[in-house]
Amino acid sequence: MANLTETTKEALSRRGFNCLICCSALSNGHVSADALSVVYNQTAPDGWIAFNVAQYFWKDDTETGFQQQHPWVTDTNIFEVVQIQPYRHRFYTDGRPLEYVAIIGRKRSSIL
């Protein structure tokens, strides 16, 4: 998604997507920040955005944390958070819980 041709980007824009849902694909080594920005920008203004991410990754304030790699999530001019819901995603094989957060919001403008 990060390397789309201009023709493909224009074709996607004409579709008028008004919602983006991304489930369990935003940790390190999965969907890149660049690719997420591309699909976010293809969503219509005021479109709904929903995604989930491991809680430890969401709260990580180092340069590898989610909010540092995707600074638009804290910019209310770009993304308006409507709801953040923590939940238990699953258990590790050793019995420890893996906590996630689901984030739902509205696109206010494109990521520059």
C-alpha atoms as a PDB file:
ATOM      1  CA  MET A   1       0.000   0.000   0.000  1.00  0.00           C
ATOM      2  CA  ALA A   2       2.908   2.358   0.585  1.00  0.00           C
ATOM      3  CA  ASN A   3       4.053   2.120  -3.057  1.00  0.00           C
ATOM      4  CA  LEU A   4       0.846   2.706  -5.016  1.00  0.00           C
ATOM      5  CA  THR A   5       1.020   4.330  -8.419  1.00  0.00           C
ATOM      6  CA  GLU A   6      -0.749   7.655  -8.892  1.00  0.00           C
ATOM      7  CA  THR A   7      -3.274   5.895 -11.142  1.00  0.00           C
ATOM      8  CA  THR A   8      -4.106   3.421  -8.387  1.00  0.00           C
ATOM      9  CA  LYS A   9      -4.361   6.172  -5.764  1.00  0.00           C
ATOM     10  CA  GLU A  10      -6.765   8.092  -8.020  1.00  0.00           C
ATOM     11  CA  ALA A  11      -8.844   4.961  -8.640  1.00  0.00           C
ATOM     12  CA  LEU A  12      -9.102   4.345  -4.891  1.00  0.00           C
ATOM     13  CA  SER A  13     -10.024   7.986  -4.254  1.00  0.00           C
ATOM     14  CA  ARG A  14     -12.901   7.738  -6.727  1.00  0.00           C
ATOM     15  CA  ARG A  15     -14.362   4.861  -4.689  1.00  0.00           C
ATOM     16  CA  GLY A  16     -15.215   7.229  -1.835  1.00  0.00           C
ATOM     17  CA  PHE A  17     -14.282   4.965   1.069  1.00  0.00           C
ATOM     18  CA  ASN A  18     -15.915   6.268   4.256  1.00  0.00           C
ATOM     19  CA  CYS A  19     -14.544   3.720   6.712  1.00  0.00           C
ATOM     20  CA  LEU A  20     -11.211   2.069   7.502  1.00  0.00           C
ATOM     21  CA  ILE A  21     -10.966  -0.975   9.758  1.00  0.00           C
ATOM     22  CA  CYS A  22      -7.618  -2.553  10.603  1.00  0.00           C
ATOM     23  CA  CYS A  23      -7.573  -5.471  13.054  1.00  0.00           C
ATOM     24  CA  SER A  24      -4.490  -6.894  14.779  1.00  0.00           C
ATOM     25  CA  ALA A  25      -2.090  -5.806  12.038  1.00  0.00           C
ATOM     26  CA  LEU A  26      -0.420  -2.681  13.419  1.00  0.00           C
ATOM     27  CA  SER A  27       2.372  -4.010  15.613  1.00  0.00           C
ATOM     28  CA  ASN A  28       6.020  -3.881  14.555  1.00  0.00           C
ATOM     29  CA  GLY A  29       6.722  -6.013  11.516  1.00  0.00           C
ATOM     30  CA  HIS A  30       3.171  -5.906  10.160  1.00  0.00           C
ATOM     31  CA  VAL A  31       1.457  -2.970   8.403  1.00  0.00           C
ATOM     32  CA  SER A  32       3.991  -0.137   8.168  1.00  0.00           C
ATOM     33  CA  ALA A  33       3.305   3.427   9.291  1.00  0.00           C
ATOM     34  CA  ASP A  34       3.642   4.553   5.664  1.00  0.00           C
ATOM     35  CA  ALA A  35       1.095   2.001   4.440  1.00  0.00           C
ATOM     36  CA  LEU A  36      -1.389   2.932   7.175  1.00  0.00           C
ATOM     37  CA  SER A  37      -1.009   6.609   6.252  1.00  0.00           C
ATOM     38  CA  VAL A  38      -1.774   5.821   2.601  1.00  0.00           C
ATOM     39  CA  VAL A  39      -5.014   3.979   3.380  1.00  0.00           C
ATOM     40  CA  TYR A  40      -5.974   6.564   6.012  1.00  0.00           C
ATOM     41  CA  ASN A  41      -5.603   9.302   3.403  1.00  0.00           C
ATOM     42  CA  GLN A  42      -7.829   7.320   0.997  1.00  0.00           C
ATOM     43  CA  THR A  43     -10.683   7.501   3.522  1.00  0.00           C
ATOM     44  CA  ALA A  44     -13.164  10.350   3.000  1.00  0.00           C
ATOM     45  CA  PRO A  45     -13.192  13.323   5.406  1.00  0.00           C
ATOM     46  CA  ASP A  46     -15.367  12.553   8.457  1.00  0.00           C
ATOM     47  CA  GLY A  47     -14.990   8.848   7.661  1.00  0.00           C
ATOM     48  CA  TRP A  48     -14.843   6.345  10.494  1.00  0.00           C
ATOM     49  CA  ILE A  49     -11.481   4.837  11.456  1.00  0.00           C
ATOM     50  CA  ALA A  50     -11.278   1.757  13.700  1.00  0.00           C
ATOM     51  CA  PHE A  51      -8.186  -0.200  14.669  1.00  0.00           C
ATOM     52  CA  ASN A  52      -6.726  -2.139  17.540  1.00  0.00           C
ATOM     53  CA  VAL A  53      -3.232  -2.381  18.918  1.00  0.00           C
ATOM     54  CA  ALA A  54      -1.497  -4.066  21.846  1.00  0.00           C
ATOM     55  CA  GLN A  55      -1.816  -1.896  24.940  1.00  0.00           C
ATOM     56  CA  TYR A  56       1.928  -1.993  25.659  1.00  0.00           C
ATOM     57  CA  PHE A  57       2.596  -0.716  22.109  1.00  0.00           C
ATOM     58  CA  TRP A  58      -0.062   2.027  22.432  1.00  0.00           C
ATOM     59  CA  LYS A  59       1.389   3.240  25.754  1.00  0.00           C
ATOM     60  CA  ASP A  60       5.059   2.963  24.693  1.00  0.00           C
ATOM     61  CA  ASP A  61       6.420   6.528  24.617  1.00  0.00           C
ATOM     62  CA  THR A  62       9.761   5.605  23.048  1.00  0.00           C
ATOM     63  CA  GLU A  63      10.496   6.154  19.364  1.00  0.00           C
ATOM     64  CA  THR A  64       9.239   2.637  18.590  1.00  0.00           C
ATOM     65  CA  GLY A  65       5.837   3.193  20.228  1.00  0.00           C
ATOM     66  CA  PHE A  66       2.654   3.357  18.183  1.00  0.00           C
ATOM     67  CA  GLN A  67       1.892   7.015  18.854  1.00  0.00           C
ATOM     68  CA  GLN A  68       5.451   8.047  17.972  1.00  0.00           C
ATOM     69  CA  GLN A  69       5.332   6.096  14.707  1.00  0.00           C
ATOM     70  CA  HIS A  70       1.810   7.412  13.961  1.00  0.00           C
ATOM     71  CA  PRO A  71       1.769  10.937  15.463  1.00  0.00           C
ATOM     72  CA  TRP A  72      -1.478  11.787  13.660  1.00  0.00           C
ATOM     73  CA  VAL A  73      -3.449   9.749  16.238  1.00  0.00           C
ATOM     74  CA  THR A  74      -2.898  12.506  18.803  1.00  0.00           C
ATOM     75  CA  ASP A  75      -3.493  15.418  16.402  1.00  0.00           C
ATOM     76  CA  THR A  76      -7.185  16.345  16.712  1.00  0.00           C
ATOM     77  CA  ASN A  77      -6.974  18.312  13.461  1.00  0.00           C
ATOM     78  CA  ILE A  78      -6.276  15.006  11.683  1.00  0.00           C
ATOM     79  CA  PHE A  79      -7.971  12.340  13.823  1.00  0.00           C
ATOM     80  CA  GLU A  80     -10.685  12.740  16.439  1.00  0.00           C
ATOM     81  CA  VAL A  81     -10.724   9.857  18.920  1.00  0.00           C
ATOM     82  CA  VAL A  82     -14.332   8.956  19.731  1.00  0.00           C
ATOM     83  CA  GLN A  83     -13.727   5.881  21.901  1.00  0.00           C
ATOM     84  CA  ILE A  84     -10.799   3.928  23.320  1.00  0.00           C
ATOM     85  CA  GLN A  85     -11.759   0.552  24.744  1.00  0.00           C
ATOM     86  CA  PRO A  86      -9.233  -1.699  26.494  1.00  0.00           C
ATOM     87  CA  TYR A  87      -9.879  -5.439  26.310  1.00  0.00           C
ATOM     88  CA  ARG A  88      -8.167  -8.796  26.737  1.00  0.00           C
ATOM     89  CA  HIS A  89      -7.166  -9.917  23.253  1.00  0.00           C
ATOM     90  CA  ARG A  90      -5.958 -13.400  24.202  1.00  0.00           C
ATOM     91  CA  PHE A  91      -3.647 -15.304  26.514  1.00  0.00           C
ATOM     92  CA  TYR A  92      -0.031 -16.187  25.797  1.00  0.00           C
ATOM     93  CA  THR A  93       0.759 -19.906  25.909  1.00  0.00           C
ATOM     94  CA  ASP A  94       2.243 -19.412  29.388  1.00  0.00           C
ATOM     95  CA  GLY A  95      -1.085 -18.043  30.641  1.00  0.00           C
ATOM     96  CA  ARG A  96      -0.246 -14.321  30.730  1.00  0.00           C
ATOM     97  CA  PRO A  97      -2.954 -12.059  29.306  1.00  0.00           C
ATOM     98  CA  LEU A  98      -2.296  -9.913  26.246  1.00  0.00           C
ATOM     99  CA  GLU A  99      -4.190  -6.656  26.637  1.00  0.00           C
ATOM    100  CA  TYR A 100      -5.197  -4.583  23.619  1.00  0.00           C
ATOM    101  CA  VAL A 101      -6.988  -1.304  23.016  1.00  0.00           C
ATOM    102  CA  ALA A 102      -9.581  -0.698  20.320  1.00  0.00           C
ATOM    103  CA  ILE A 103      -9.601   2.865  18.987  1.00  0.00           C
ATOM    104  CA  ILE A 104     -12.531   4.327  17.071  1.00  0.00           C
ATOM    105  CA  GLY A 105     -12.474   7.813  15.631  1.00  0.00           C
ATOM    106  CA  ARG A 106     -13.249  10.162  12.768  1.00  0.00           C
ATOM    107  CA  LYS A 107     -10.900  11.361  10.078  1.00  0.00           C
ATOM    108  CA  ARG A 108     -10.746  15.158  10.203  1.00  0.00           C
ATOM    109  CA  SER A 109      -8.070  15.697   7.541  1.00  0.00           C
ATOM    110  CA  SER A 110      -5.393  13.825   5.632  1.00  0.00           C
ATOM    111  CA  ILE A 111      -1.935  13.069   6.967  1.00  0.00           C
ATOM    112  CA  LEU A 112       0.581  15.311   5.243  1.00  0.00           C
END
